[in-house]
Amino acid sequence: MILAQDRLEDVARAARRIGRLTDRQAAGDSIAAAMERLLGTAPPHPIARVAFVVWDNPPMVIGAGSYLDQLATLAGAVNVFHDLGAASATVSLETIAARDPDVILDLADSAGTAVPAYASRREWRAIRAVRERRFLTLPADLFGRPSPTAPAAVAVLRRRLEAAR
């Protein structure tokens, strides 16, 4: 059995299905209900325009088809690539610069540096957020996949965005 896990509503559906299949329906329903409550929450007033840069050569960004876009919206951010229906897409540096995000969001497996390595490359300096060193590195263990930890991810991202203002 293959279960879609691209968006937060997929987590809710999968939790219910796995709960039924494993005779743990109450647990599955509980996880699903928590995800549905999160998705039913009205997003707060936007406080930042962001771009998730998930690869640098060629630049790849997150679009509306990804749970990361959902997390950003629920945290009060506007993904400048929300108009892209796919989960991710390859774009040019000029496109990122033209969309002018306030902050670039990056996922990291460890607590490494707050500035991605690509930020030191000259061509990336065309992007205002890179020139101004406006990056938020998010922990991959919390943001790396859609999961029942989504409410915690939203809270962490909101706090980090507020602190970066």
N, C-alpha and C. Protein backbone atom coordinates (compact mmCIF):
# COMPACT_ATOMS: atom_id res chain seq x y z
N MET A 1 0.84 -1.16 0.00
CA MET A 1 0.00 0.00 0.00
C MET A 1 0.90 1.24 0.00
N ILE A 2 0.55 2.19 -0.86
CA ILE A 2 1.26 3.45 -0.93
C ILE A 2 0.31 4.54 -0.49
N LEU A 3 0.77 5.36 0.44
CA LEU A 3 -0.04 6.46 0.95
C LEU A 3 0.63 7.78 0.57
N ALA A 4 -0.11 8.68 -0.05
CA ALA A 4 0.41 10.00 -0.39
C ALA A 4 0.77 10.74 0.89
N GLN A 5 1.88 11.43 0.86
CA GLN A 5 2.33 12.19 2.03
C GLN A 5 2.90 13.54 1.61
N ASP A 6 2.28 14.18 0.63
CA ASP A 6 2.79 15.45 0.13
C ASP A 6 2.24 16.65 0.88
N ARG A 7 1.03 16.54 1.39
CA ARG A 7 0.35 17.66 2.03
C ARG A 7 -0.14 17.23 3.41
N LEU A 8 -0.46 18.21 4.24
CA LEU A 8 -0.87 17.89 5.61
C LEU A 8 -2.18 17.10 5.65
N GLU A 9 -3.09 17.36 4.73
CA GLU A 9 -4.33 16.57 4.72
C GLU A 9 -4.05 15.10 4.40
N ASP A 10 -2.95 14.84 3.69
CA ASP A 10 -2.55 13.45 3.43
C ASP A 10 -2.19 12.74 4.74
N VAL A 11 -1.58 13.46 5.67
CA VAL A 11 -1.23 12.88 6.96
C VAL A 11 -2.49 12.46 7.69
N ALA A 12 -3.50 13.31 7.64
CA ALA A 12 -4.77 12.98 8.31
C ALA A 12 -5.40 11.73 7.70
N ARG A 13 -5.47 11.68 6.38
CA ARG A 13 -6.06 10.50 5.72
C ARG A 13 -5.26 9.24 6.02
N ALA A 14 -3.94 9.35 5.97
CA ALA A 14 -3.09 8.18 6.23
C ALA A 14 -3.23 7.71 7.67
N ALA A 15 -3.32 8.64 8.61
CA ALA A 15 -3.47 8.26 10.02
C ALA A 15 -4.76 7.48 10.23
N ARG A 16 -5.82 7.96 9.63
CA ARG A 16 -7.10 7.24 9.77
C ARG A 16 -7.01 5.85 9.16
N ARG A 17 -6.43 5.77 7.99
CA ARG A 17 -6.36 4.47 7.30
C ARG A 17 -5.47 3.49 8.06
N ILE A 18 -4.32 3.95 8.49
CA ILE A 18 -3.40 3.08 9.23
C ILE A 18 -4.03 2.68 10.56
N GLY A 19 -4.73 3.61 11.20
CA GLY A 19 -5.43 3.28 12.45
C GLY A 19 -6.42 2.15 12.27
N ARG A 20 -7.19 2.22 11.18
CA ARG A 20 -8.16 1.15 10.90
C ARG A 20 -7.46 -0.17 10.60
N LEU A 21 -6.42 -0.10 9.77
CA LEU A 21 -5.73 -1.32 9.35
C LEU A 21 -4.97 -2.02 10.49
N THR A 22 -4.58 -1.26 11.49
CA THR A 22 -3.80 -1.83 12.59
C THR A 22 -4.62 -2.00 13.87
N ASP A 23 -5.94 -1.81 13.73
CA ASP A 23 -6.83 -1.92 14.88
C ASP A 23 -6.48 -0.89 15.96
N ARG A 24 -6.03 0.28 15.52
CA ARG A 24 -5.72 1.41 16.43
C ARG A 24 -6.48 2.64 15.94
N GLN A 25 -7.76 2.43 15.69
CA GLN A 25 -8.59 3.47 15.08
C GLN A 25 -8.64 4.74 15.93
N ALA A 26 -8.72 4.61 17.23
CA ALA A 26 -8.79 5.80 18.09
C ALA A 26 -7.52 6.65 17.95
N ALA A 27 -6.37 5.99 17.91
CA ALA A 27 -5.11 6.73 17.75
C ALA A 27 -5.05 7.40 16.38
N GLY A 28 -5.43 6.68 15.34
CA GLY A 28 -5.44 7.26 14.00
C GLY A 28 -6.40 8.43 13.89
N ASP A 29 -7.58 8.28 14.48
CA ASP A 29 -8.56 9.37 14.45
C ASP A 29 -8.07 10.58 15.22
N SER A 30 -7.37 10.35 16.32
CA SER A 30 -6.83 11.45 17.12
C SER A 30 -5.79 12.26 16.34
N ILE A 31 -4.90 11.56 15.67
CA ILE A 31 -3.89 12.24 14.85
C ILE A 31 -4.57 13.00 13.71
N ALA A 32 -5.52 12.36 13.06
CA ALA A 32 -6.23 12.99 11.95
C ALA A 32 -6.97 14.24 12.43
N ALA A 33 -7.62 14.15 13.57
CA ALA A 33 -8.37 15.30 14.09
C ALA A 33 -7.43 16.46 14.40
N ALA A 34 -6.27 16.17 14.95
CA ALA A 34 -5.30 17.24 15.24
C ALA A 34 -4.84 17.92 13.95
N MET A 35 -4.60 17.14 12.91
CA MET A 35 -4.19 17.72 11.64
C MET A 35 -5.32 18.56 11.04
N GLU A 36 -6.54 18.06 11.13
CA GLU A 36 -7.69 18.79 10.58
C GLU A 36 -7.94 20.09 11.34
N ARG A 37 -7.73 20.08 12.67
CA ARG A 37 -7.85 21.31 13.45
C ARG A 37 -6.83 22.33 12.99
N LEU A 38 -5.59 21.86 12.80
CA LEU A 38 -4.53 22.76 12.34
C LEU A 38 -4.91 23.35 10.98
N LEU A 39 -5.35 22.52 10.06
CA LEU A 39 -5.70 22.99 8.72
C LEU A 39 -6.93 23.90 8.75
N GLY A 40 -7.78 23.75 9.74
CA GLY A 40 -8.98 24.59 9.86
C GLY A 40 -8.72 25.92 10.54
N THR A 41 -7.51 26.10 11.03
CA THR A 41 -7.15 27.34 11.71
C THR A 41 -6.95 28.45 10.68
N ALA A 42 -7.53 29.59 10.95
CA ALA A 42 -7.33 30.72 10.05
C ALA A 42 -5.88 31.19 10.17
N PRO A 43 -5.21 31.37 9.05
CA PRO A 43 -3.82 31.82 9.11
C PRO A 43 -3.75 33.22 9.73
N PRO A 44 -2.70 33.48 10.48
CA PRO A 44 -2.54 34.82 11.05
C PRO A 44 -2.19 35.83 9.97
N HIS A 45 -2.26 37.08 10.33
CA HIS A 45 -1.86 38.14 9.41
C HIS A 45 -0.42 37.88 8.96
N PRO A 46 -0.16 37.92 7.66
CA PRO A 46 1.21 37.64 7.18
C PRO A 46 2.23 38.63 7.74
N ILE A 47 3.36 38.07 8.15
CA ILE A 47 4.42 38.91 8.71
C ILE A 47 5.69 38.89 7.87
N ALA A 48 5.77 38.00 6.88
CA ALA A 48 6.98 37.93 6.05
C ALA A 48 6.66 37.23 4.73
N ARG A 49 7.40 37.63 3.72
CA ARG A 49 7.36 36.96 2.42
C ARG A 49 8.59 36.07 2.37
N VAL A 50 8.39 34.79 2.10
CA VAL A 50 9.49 33.83 2.20
C VAL A 50 9.64 33.03 0.91
N ALA A 51 10.82 32.44 0.77
CA ALA A 51 11.09 31.45 -0.28
C ALA A 51 11.82 30.30 0.38
N PHE A 52 11.33 29.09 0.17
CA PHE A 52 12.05 27.90 0.59
C PHE A 52 13.00 27.54 -0.54
N VAL A 53 14.29 27.64 -0.30
CA VAL A 53 15.28 27.22 -1.30
C VAL A 53 15.80 25.86 -0.84
N VAL A 54 15.46 24.82 -1.60
CA VAL A 54 15.82 23.47 -1.19
C VAL A 54 17.00 22.90 -1.96
N TRP A 55 17.42 23.61 -3.00
CA TRP A 55 18.60 23.22 -3.76
C TRP A 55 19.13 24.47 -4.42
N ASP A 56 20.44 24.53 -4.61
CA ASP A 56 21.02 25.77 -5.10
C ASP A 56 21.55 25.75 -6.52
N ASN A 57 21.80 24.57 -7.11
CA ASN A 57 22.40 24.56 -8.44
C ASN A 57 21.83 23.42 -9.27
N PRO A 58 20.79 23.65 -10.03
CA PRO A 58 20.08 24.92 -10.22
C PRO A 58 19.16 25.19 -9.03
N PRO A 59 18.79 26.45 -8.84
CA PRO A 59 17.92 26.78 -7.71
C PRO A 59 16.59 26.04 -7.79
N MET A 60 16.20 25.42 -6.70
CA MET A 60 14.92 24.73 -6.61
C MET A 60 14.18 25.29 -5.40
N VAL A 61 12.91 25.61 -5.60
CA VAL A 61 12.10 26.22 -4.55
C VAL A 61 10.84 25.39 -4.31
N ILE A 62 10.18 25.67 -3.21
CA ILE A 62 8.95 24.98 -2.83
C ILE A 62 7.75 25.77 -3.34
N GLY A 63 6.79 25.04 -3.93
CA GLY A 63 5.56 25.64 -4.42
C GLY A 63 4.36 25.21 -3.58
N ALA A 64 3.18 25.54 -4.07
CA ALA A 64 1.93 25.29 -3.33
C ALA A 64 1.61 23.81 -3.14
N GLY A 65 2.23 22.94 -3.90
CA GLY A 65 1.94 21.51 -3.78
C GLY A 65 2.63 20.84 -2.62
N SER A 66 3.35 21.59 -1.82
CA SER A 66 4.11 21.02 -0.70
C SER A 66 3.52 21.40 0.64
N TYR A 67 3.65 20.49 1.59
CA TYR A 67 3.27 20.77 2.97
C TYR A 67 4.06 21.94 3.54
N LEU A 68 5.27 22.19 3.04
CA LEU A 68 6.06 23.33 3.54
C LEU A 68 5.35 24.65 3.24
N ASP A 69 4.72 24.73 2.08
CA ASP A 69 3.93 25.91 1.75
C ASP A 69 2.79 26.07 2.75
N GLN A 70 2.15 24.96 3.11
CA GLN A 70 1.07 25.00 4.09
C GLN A 70 1.59 25.46 5.45
N LEU A 71 2.72 24.91 5.88
CA LEU A 71 3.29 25.32 7.17
C LEU A 71 3.59 26.81 7.19
N ALA A 72 4.15 27.31 6.08
CA ALA A 72 4.48 28.74 6.00
C ALA A 72 3.21 29.58 6.14
N THR A 73 2.17 29.22 5.42
CA THR A 73 0.92 29.97 5.48
C THR A 73 0.35 29.96 6.90
N LEU A 74 0.33 28.79 7.53
CA LEU A 74 -0.22 28.67 8.88
C LEU A 74 0.62 29.43 9.91
N ALA A 75 1.90 29.68 9.59
CA ALA A 75 2.77 30.41 10.50
C ALA A 75 2.73 31.92 10.25
N GLY A 76 2.02 32.34 9.22
CA GLY A 76 1.94 33.77 8.93
C GLY A 76 2.94 34.24 7.92
N ALA A 77 3.37 33.36 7.05
CA ALA A 77 4.29 33.74 5.98
C ALA A 77 3.57 33.59 4.64
N VAL A 78 4.06 34.33 3.67
CA VAL A 78 3.56 34.21 2.31
C VAL A 78 4.70 33.63 1.48
N ASN A 79 4.49 32.45 0.94
CA ASN A 79 5.49 31.84 0.07
C ASN A 79 5.44 32.56 -1.27
N VAL A 80 6.53 33.19 -1.67
CA VAL A 80 6.53 33.95 -2.92
C VAL A 80 6.40 33.05 -4.14
N PHE A 81 6.49 31.73 -3.94
CA PHE A 81 6.30 30.77 -5.03
C PHE A 81 5.02 29.96 -4.84
N HIS A 82 4.07 30.50 -4.09
CA HIS A 82 2.80 29.83 -3.87
C HIS A 82 2.03 29.62 -5.17
N ASP A 83 2.27 30.45 -6.15
CA ASP A 83 1.56 30.32 -7.43
C ASP A 83 2.01 29.10 -8.24
N LEU A 84 3.12 28.49 -7.86
CA LEU A 84 3.57 27.27 -8.52
C LEU A 84 2.80 26.10 -7.93
N GLY A 85 2.04 25.41 -8.72
CA GLY A 85 1.19 24.33 -8.21
C GLY A 85 1.94 23.09 -7.76
N ALA A 86 3.14 22.90 -8.27
CA ALA A 86 3.94 21.72 -7.92
C ALA A 86 4.51 21.84 -6.52
N ALA A 87 4.93 20.71 -5.98
CA ALA A 87 5.59 20.72 -4.67
C ALA A 87 6.91 21.48 -4.73
N SER A 88 7.63 21.34 -5.83
CA SER A 88 8.89 22.05 -6.00
C SER A 88 9.10 22.34 -7.47
N ALA A 89 9.96 23.30 -7.74
CA ALA A 89 10.23 23.67 -9.12
C ALA A 89 11.62 24.28 -9.21
N THR A 90 12.24 24.10 -10.36
CA THR A 90 13.52 24.74 -10.64
C THR A 90 13.21 26.12 -11.20
N VAL A 91 13.89 27.13 -10.67
CA VAL A 91 13.70 28.51 -11.11
C VAL A 91 15.07 29.15 -11.29
N SER A 92 15.09 30.31 -11.90
CA SER A 92 16.35 31.04 -12.06
C SER A 92 16.59 31.94 -10.85
N LEU A 93 17.83 32.32 -10.69
CA LEU A 93 18.16 33.29 -9.63
C LEU A 93 17.44 34.60 -9.88
N GLU A 94 17.30 34.96 -11.14
CA GLU A 94 16.60 36.20 -11.49
C GLU A 94 15.14 36.15 -11.04
N THR A 95 14.53 34.98 -11.13
CA THR A 95 13.15 34.84 -10.70
C THR A 95 13.05 35.00 -9.19
N ILE A 96 13.98 34.40 -8.46
CA ILE A 96 13.97 34.57 -7.00
C ILE A 96 14.16 36.04 -6.66
N ALA A 97 15.11 36.69 -7.32
CA ALA A 97 15.37 38.12 -7.07
C ALA A 97 14.14 38.96 -7.39
N ALA A 98 13.45 38.66 -8.49
CA ALA A 98 12.28 39.43 -8.88
C ALA A 98 11.13 39.26 -7.89
N ARG A 99 11.03 38.10 -7.30
CA ARG A 99 9.95 37.86 -6.33
C ARG A 99 10.31 38.42 -4.95
N ASP A 100 11.57 38.73 -4.74
CA ASP A 100 12.07 39.49 -3.60
C ASP A 100 11.56 39.03 -2.23
N PRO A 101 11.86 37.79 -1.84
CA PRO A 101 11.44 37.34 -0.50
C PRO A 101 12.15 38.13 0.59
N ASP A 102 11.45 38.33 1.70
CA ASP A 102 12.07 38.99 2.87
C ASP A 102 13.08 38.06 3.52
N VAL A 103 12.76 36.76 3.50
CA VAL A 103 13.57 35.76 4.19
C VAL A 103 13.66 34.51 3.31
N ILE A 104 14.81 33.89 3.31
CA ILE A 104 14.97 32.60 2.64
C ILE A 104 14.99 31.53 3.71
N LEU A 105 14.13 30.54 3.54
CA LEU A 105 14.04 29.42 4.47
C LEU A 105 14.83 28.25 3.91
N ASP A 106 15.57 27.61 4.79
CA ASP A 106 16.46 26.53 4.42
C ASP A 106 16.28 25.41 5.44
N LEU A 107 16.31 24.17 5.00
CA LEU A 107 16.24 23.02 5.92
C LEU A 107 17.64 22.47 6.12
N ALA A 108 17.95 22.09 7.35
CA ALA A 108 19.28 21.53 7.64
C ALA A 108 19.13 20.33 8.56
N ASP A 109 19.96 19.32 8.31
CA ASP A 109 19.94 18.12 9.14
C ASP A 109 20.62 18.33 10.48
N SER A 110 21.46 19.35 10.56
CA SER A 110 22.17 19.61 11.81
C SER A 110 22.12 21.10 12.12
N ALA A 111 22.66 21.46 13.23
CA ALA A 111 22.64 22.85 13.66
C ALA A 111 23.79 23.64 13.06
N GLY A 112 24.18 23.34 11.84
CA GLY A 112 25.29 24.02 11.18
C GLY A 112 25.13 25.52 11.15
N THR A 113 25.76 26.14 10.21
CA THR A 113 25.73 27.60 10.13
C THR A 113 24.35 28.09 9.74
N ALA A 114 24.06 29.32 10.10
CA ALA A 114 22.77 29.93 9.77
C ALA A 114 22.74 30.43 8.34
N VAL A 115 23.88 30.48 7.69
CA VAL A 115 23.96 30.99 6.32
C VAL A 115 24.36 29.84 5.40
N PRO A 116 23.52 29.51 4.42
CA PRO A 116 23.85 28.42 3.50
C PRO A 116 25.12 28.74 2.70
N ALA A 117 25.82 27.72 2.28
CA ALA A 117 27.07 27.90 1.53
C ALA A 117 26.88 28.70 0.26
N TYR A 118 25.74 28.53 -0.41
CA TYR A 118 25.54 29.26 -1.66
C TYR A 118 25.50 30.77 -1.48
N ALA A 119 25.23 31.23 -0.27
CA ALA A 119 25.13 32.67 -0.01
C ALA A 119 26.45 33.40 -0.26
N SER A 120 27.55 32.69 -0.26
CA SER A 120 28.84 33.34 -0.50
C SER A 120 29.17 33.43 -1.99
N ARG A 121 28.35 32.82 -2.83
CA ARG A 121 28.60 32.89 -4.26
C ARG A 121 28.06 34.20 -4.84
N ARG A 122 28.85 34.81 -5.68
CA ARG A 122 28.54 36.14 -6.22
C ARG A 122 27.18 36.21 -6.90
N GLU A 123 26.83 35.22 -7.67
CA GLU A 123 25.58 35.28 -8.42
C GLU A 123 24.35 35.31 -7.51
N TRP A 124 24.45 34.74 -6.33
CA TRP A 124 23.33 34.74 -5.39
C TRP A 124 23.11 36.11 -4.75
N ARG A 125 24.09 36.99 -4.84
CA ARG A 125 23.97 38.32 -4.22
C ARG A 125 22.97 39.21 -4.97
N ALA A 126 22.44 38.74 -6.09
CA ALA A 126 21.39 39.47 -6.79
C ALA A 126 20.08 39.47 -5.98
N ILE A 127 20.01 38.60 -5.00
CA ILE A 127 18.80 38.44 -4.18
C ILE A 127 18.99 39.24 -2.89
N ARG A 128 18.08 40.18 -2.65
CA ARG A 128 18.18 41.08 -1.48
C ARG A 128 18.31 40.30 -0.16
N ALA A 129 17.50 39.26 0.02
CA ALA A 129 17.56 38.49 1.27
C ALA A 129 18.94 37.86 1.47
N VAL A 130 19.61 37.49 0.39
CA VAL A 130 20.97 36.93 0.49
C VAL A 130 21.95 38.03 0.87
N ARG A 131 21.85 39.17 0.19
CA ARG A 131 22.76 40.29 0.51
C ARG A 131 22.63 40.71 1.97
N GLU A 132 21.39 40.70 2.46
CA GLU A 132 21.12 41.14 3.84
C GLU A 132 21.24 40.00 4.86
N ARG A 133 21.63 38.82 4.38
CA ARG A 133 21.82 37.65 5.26
C ARG A 133 20.56 37.34 6.05
N ARG A 134 19.42 37.35 5.37
CA ARG A 134 18.13 37.07 6.00
C ARG A 134 17.72 35.64 5.68
N PHE A 135 18.26 34.71 6.48
CA PHE A 135 18.02 33.28 6.33
C PHE A 135 17.44 32.75 7.64
N LEU A 136 16.57 31.79 7.52
CA LEU A 136 16.16 31.01 8.68
C LEU A 136 16.42 29.56 8.33
N THR A 137 17.26 28.93 9.11
CA THR A 137 17.55 27.51 8.91
C THR A 137 16.63 26.73 9.84
N LEU A 138 15.83 25.88 9.24
CA LEU A 138 14.84 25.12 9.99
C LEU A 138 15.32 23.68 10.16
N PRO A 139 15.10 23.11 11.34
CA PRO A 139 15.57 21.73 11.58
C PRO A 139 14.79 20.71 10.76
N ALA A 140 15.51 19.91 10.01
CA ALA A 140 14.88 18.90 9.15
C ALA A 140 14.09 17.88 9.95
N ASP A 141 14.49 17.63 11.21
CA ASP A 141 13.74 16.64 11.99
C ASP A 141 12.31 17.11 12.28
N LEU A 142 12.06 18.41 12.24
CA LEU A 142 10.72 18.95 12.47
C LEU A 142 10.03 19.34 11.16
N PHE A 143 10.80 19.79 10.18
CA PHE A 143 10.24 20.29 8.93
C PHE A 143 10.48 19.39 7.73
N GLY A 144 11.24 18.34 7.88
CA GLY A 144 11.67 17.53 6.75
C GLY A 144 10.62 16.66 6.10
N ARG A 145 9.50 16.44 6.75
CA ARG A 145 8.43 15.63 6.17
C ARG A 145 7.12 15.99 6.84
N PRO A 146 6.01 15.82 6.15
CA PRO A 146 4.72 16.10 6.79
C PRO A 146 4.46 15.04 7.86
N SER A 147 4.05 15.49 9.02
CA SER A 147 3.85 14.55 10.12
C SER A 147 2.93 15.16 11.17
N PRO A 148 2.57 14.38 12.17
CA PRO A 148 1.76 14.91 13.26
C PRO A 148 2.45 16.02 14.06
N THR A 149 3.74 16.25 13.82
CA THR A 149 4.44 17.34 14.51
C THR A 149 4.21 18.69 13.81
N ALA A 150 3.33 18.73 12.81
CA ALA A 150 3.08 19.97 12.07
C ALA A 150 2.69 21.15 12.97
N PRO A 151 1.83 20.97 13.98
CA PRO A 151 1.51 22.12 14.84
C PRO A 151 2.76 22.70 15.53
N ALA A 152 3.67 21.84 15.95
CA ALA A 152 4.91 22.33 16.56
C ALA A 152 5.77 23.05 15.53
N ALA A 153 5.81 22.53 14.31
CA ALA A 153 6.58 23.19 13.24
C ALA A 153 6.02 24.57 12.96
N VAL A 154 4.70 24.70 12.90
CA VAL A 154 4.07 26.01 12.66
C VAL A 154 4.46 26.98 13.77
N ALA A 155 4.40 26.53 15.02
CA ALA A 155 4.74 27.41 16.15
C ALA A 155 6.20 27.84 16.09
N VAL A 156 7.09 26.92 15.78
CA VAL A 156 8.52 27.25 15.69
C VAL A 156 8.76 28.26 14.57
N LEU A 157 8.16 28.01 13.41
CA LEU A 157 8.36 28.93 12.29
C LEU A 157 7.81 30.31 12.62
N ARG A 158 6.65 30.39 13.22
CA ARG A 158 6.07 31.69 13.60
C ARG A 158 7.00 32.44 14.54
N ARG A 159 7.49 31.77 15.57
CA ARG A 159 8.41 32.42 16.52
C ARG A 159 9.68 32.91 15.82
N ARG A 160 10.21 32.08 14.95
CA ARG A 160 11.45 32.44 14.24
C ARG A 160 11.22 33.63 13.31
N LEU A 161 10.07 33.64 12.63
CA LEU A 161 9.76 34.77 11.74
C LEU A 161 9.57 36.06 12.53
N GLU A 162 8.88 35.97 13.66
CA GLU A 162 8.69 37.16 14.50
C GLU A 162 10.03 37.68 15.01
N ALA A 163 10.91 36.79 15.40
CA ALA A 163 12.23 37.20 15.91
C ALA A 163 13.09 37.82 14.83
N ALA A 164 12.87 37.41 13.58
CA ALA A 164 13.69 37.91 12.47
C ALA A 164 13.23 39.28 11.98
N ARG A 165 12.08 39.73 12.40
CA ARG A 165 11.55 41.02 11.93
C ARG A 165 12.34 42.19 12.43
